[in-house]
């Protein structure tokens, strides 16, 4: 935020808006295959205070076909923040179902 030309740190109440904008940027970068810039842009997520960041990142990876990364981030979301939702569970079940099929 700017106040008289001075950049202010993001407050807790503001992080949801910034998180949404960051994920729009990350989604577009992945879409246009700017992977180096995407990796650098992931650091923006360190500026926000949202517990569902890893869950959202896992879903983003899944939408773009980066299944291994999606599985890692969804699992980290559960382990670190105890955050998962129905969509995340469906995604994880699809991964574990595939692994069980390969074992059989």
C-alpha atoms as a PDB file:
ATOM      1  CA  UNK A   1       0.000   0.000   0.000  1.00  0.00           C
ATOM      2  CA  UNK A   2       1.130   3.539  -0.653  1.00  0.00           C
ATOM      3  CA  UNK A   3       0.721   6.397   1.776  1.00  0.00           C
ATOM      4  CA  UNK A   4       2.153   9.675   0.552  1.00  0.00           C
ATOM      5  CA  UNK A   5       4.633   7.847  -1.691  1.00  0.00           C
ATOM      6  CA  UNK A   6       5.856   5.477   1.030  1.00  0.00           C
ATOM      7  CA  UNK A   7       5.394   1.734   0.635  1.00  0.00           C
ATOM      8  CA  UNK A   8       3.731   0.275   3.700  1.00  0.00           C
ATOM      9  CA  UNK A   9       3.919  -3.382   4.727  1.00  0.00           C
ATOM     10  CA  UNK A  10       0.885  -5.519   4.057  1.00  0.00           C
ATOM     11  CA  UNK A  11      -1.449  -5.680   7.043  1.00  0.00           C
ATOM     12  CA  UNK A  12      -3.199  -8.886   8.048  1.00  0.00           C
ATOM     13  CA  UNK A  13      -6.557  -7.553   6.864  1.00  0.00           C
ATOM     14  CA  UNK A  14      -5.147  -6.749   3.414  1.00  0.00           C
ATOM     15  CA  UNK A  15      -3.457 -10.043   2.592  1.00  0.00           C
ATOM     16  CA  UNK A  16      -6.521 -11.733   1.079  1.00  0.00           C
ATOM     17  CA  UNK A  17      -6.716  -9.173  -1.716  1.00  0.00           C
ATOM     18  CA  UNK A  18      -2.984  -9.360  -2.371  1.00  0.00           C
ATOM     19  CA  UNK A  19      -3.078 -13.157  -2.311  1.00  0.00           C
ATOM     20  CA  UNK A  20      -5.774 -13.186  -4.988  1.00  0.00           C
ATOM     21  CA  UNK A  21      -3.742 -10.844  -7.198  1.00  0.00           C
ATOM     22  CA  UNK A  22      -0.575 -12.903  -6.672  1.00  0.00           C
ATOM     23  CA  UNK A  23      -2.376 -16.085  -7.713  1.00  0.00           C
ATOM     24  CA  UNK A  24      -3.741 -14.395 -10.844  1.00  0.00           C
ATOM     25  CA  UNK A  25      -0.166 -13.431 -11.741  1.00  0.00           C
ATOM     26  CA  UNK A  26       1.172 -16.926 -10.973  1.00  0.00           C
ATOM     27  CA  UNK A  27      -1.600 -18.533 -13.025  1.00  0.00           C
ATOM     28  CA  UNK A  28      -0.847 -16.341 -16.047  1.00  0.00           C
ATOM     29  CA  UNK A  29       2.904 -16.927 -15.782  1.00  0.00           C
ATOM     30  CA  UNK A  30       2.357 -20.691 -15.712  1.00  0.00           C
ATOM     31  CA  UNK A  31      -0.098 -20.402 -18.599  1.00  0.00           C
ATOM     32  CA  UNK A  32       2.420 -18.600 -20.810  1.00  0.00           C
ATOM     33  CA  UNK A  33       5.184 -20.947 -19.642  1.00  0.00           C
ATOM     34  CA  UNK A  34       7.382 -18.286 -18.036  1.00  0.00           C
ATOM     35  CA  UNK A  35       8.674 -20.813 -15.527  1.00  0.00           C
ATOM     36  CA  UNK A  36      11.769 -18.893 -14.391  1.00  0.00           C
ATOM     37  CA  UNK A  37       9.690 -15.806 -13.680  1.00  0.00           C
ATOM     38  CA  UNK A  38       7.046 -18.018 -12.049  1.00  0.00           C
ATOM     39  CA  UNK A  39       9.651 -19.465  -9.672  1.00  0.00           C
ATOM     40  CA  UNK A  40      10.870 -15.984  -8.739  1.00  0.00           C
ATOM     41  CA  UNK A  41       7.304 -14.766  -8.299  1.00  0.00           C
ATOM     42  CA  UNK A  42       6.558 -17.508  -5.783  1.00  0.00           C
ATOM     43  CA  UNK A  43       8.508 -15.366  -3.295  1.00  0.00           C
ATOM     44  CA  UNK A  44       5.588 -12.915  -3.299  1.00  0.00           C
ATOM     45  CA  UNK A  45       3.634 -15.515  -1.332  1.00  0.00           C
ATOM     46  CA  UNK A  46       6.041 -15.009   1.565  1.00  0.00           C
ATOM     47  CA  UNK A  47       4.635 -11.487   1.957  1.00  0.00           C
ATOM     48  CA  UNK A  48       1.089 -12.616   2.753  1.00  0.00           C
ATOM     49  CA  UNK A  49      -0.337 -14.164   5.862  1.00  0.00           C
ATOM     50  CA  UNK A  50      -2.850 -16.678   4.506  1.00  0.00           C
ATOM     51  CA  UNK A  51      -2.899 -20.263   5.724  1.00  0.00           C
ATOM     52  CA  UNK A  52      -4.463 -21.588   2.509  1.00  0.00           C
ATOM     53  CA  UNK A  53      -1.558 -20.489   0.277  1.00  0.00           C
ATOM     54  CA  UNK A  54      -0.151 -24.015  -0.137  1.00  0.00           C
ATOM     55  CA  UNK A  55      -3.612 -25.413  -0.825  1.00  0.00           C
ATOM     56  CA  UNK A  56      -4.193 -22.810  -3.524  1.00  0.00           C
ATOM     57  CA  UNK A  57      -0.723 -23.384  -4.958  1.00  0.00           C
ATOM     58  CA  UNK A  58      -1.370 -27.128  -5.129  1.00  0.00           C
ATOM     59  CA  UNK A  59      -4.624 -26.516  -7.007  1.00  0.00           C
ATOM     60  CA  UNK A  60      -2.850 -24.150  -9.400  1.00  0.00           C
ATOM     61  CA  UNK A  61      -0.222 -26.794 -10.152  1.00  0.00           C
ATOM     62  CA  UNK A  62      -2.950 -29.391 -10.675  1.00  0.00           C
ATOM     63  CA  UNK A  63      -4.871 -27.157 -13.119  1.00  0.00           C
ATOM     64  CA  UNK A  64      -1.720 -26.810 -15.189  1.00  0.00           C
ATOM     65  CA  UNK A  65      -0.836 -30.507 -15.156  1.00  0.00           C
ATOM     66  CA  UNK A  66       2.092 -30.302 -12.731  1.00  0.00           C
ATOM     67  CA  UNK A  67       0.766 -33.252 -10.749  1.00  0.00           C
ATOM     68  CA  UNK A  68       3.853 -34.068  -8.689  1.00  0.00           C
ATOM     69  CA  UNK A  69       4.145 -30.460  -7.522  1.00  0.00           C
ATOM     70  CA  UNK A  70       0.402 -30.381  -6.826  1.00  0.00           C
ATOM     71  CA  UNK A  71       0.658 -33.478  -4.647  1.00  0.00           C
ATOM     72  CA  UNK A  72       3.635 -32.021  -2.752  1.00  0.00           C
ATOM     73  CA  UNK A  73       1.937 -28.682  -2.031  1.00  0.00           C
ATOM     74  CA  UNK A  74      -1.401 -30.218  -1.039  1.00  0.00           C
ATOM     75  CA  UNK A  75       0.391 -32.592   1.315  1.00  0.00           C
ATOM     76  CA  UNK A  76       2.446 -29.725   2.781  1.00  0.00           C
ATOM     77  CA  UNK A  77      -0.764 -27.751   3.292  1.00  0.00           C
ATOM     78  CA  UNK A  78      -2.168 -30.558   5.411  1.00  0.00           C
ATOM     79  CA  UNK A  79       1.046 -31.185   7.340  1.00  0.00           C
ATOM     80  CA  UNK A  80       2.061 -27.585   8.047  1.00  0.00           C
ATOM     81  CA  UNK A  81      -1.277 -25.812   8.374  1.00  0.00           C
ATOM     82  CA  UNK A  82      -3.842 -28.585   8.730  1.00  0.00           C
ATOM     83  CA  UNK A  83      -5.646 -27.012   5.745  1.00  0.00           C
ATOM     84  CA  UNK A  84      -7.425 -29.021   3.049  1.00  0.00           C
ATOM     85  CA  UNK A  85     -10.813 -28.727   1.394  1.00  0.00           C
ATOM     86  CA  UNK A  86     -13.048 -31.026  -0.605  1.00  0.00           C
ATOM     87  CA  UNK A  87     -11.424 -30.185  -3.943  1.00  0.00           C
ATOM     88  CA  UNK A  88      -7.958 -30.767  -2.483  1.00  0.00           C
ATOM     89  CA  UNK A  89      -9.050 -34.131  -1.079  1.00  0.00           C
ATOM     90  CA  UNK A  90     -10.465 -35.185  -4.447  1.00  0.00           C
ATOM     91  CA  UNK A  91      -7.173 -34.265  -6.118  1.00  0.00           C
ATOM     92  CA  UNK A  92      -5.133 -36.186  -3.535  1.00  0.00           C
ATOM     93  CA  UNK A  93      -7.434 -39.201  -3.778  1.00  0.00           C
ATOM     94  CA  UNK A  94      -6.913 -39.230  -7.537  1.00  0.00           C
ATOM     95  CA  UNK A  95      -3.140 -39.404  -6.983  1.00  0.00           C
ATOM     96  CA  UNK A  96      -3.326 -42.136  -4.385  1.00  0.00           C
ATOM     97  CA  UNK A  97      -5.838 -44.094  -6.459  1.00  0.00           C
ATOM     98  CA  UNK A  98      -3.368 -44.072  -9.351  1.00  0.00           C
ATOM     99  CA  UNK A  99      -0.559 -45.301  -7.110  1.00  0.00           C
ATOM    100  CA  UNK A 100      -2.719 -48.150  -5.786  1.00  0.00           C
ATOM    101  CA  UNK A 101      -3.584 -49.159  -9.341  1.00  0.00           C
ATOM    102  CA  UNK A 102       0.131 -49.327 -10.212  1.00  0.00           C
ATOM    103  CA  UNK A 103       0.864 -51.491  -7.160  1.00  0.00           C
ATOM    104  CA  UNK A 104      -1.850 -54.031  -7.979  1.00  0.00           C
END
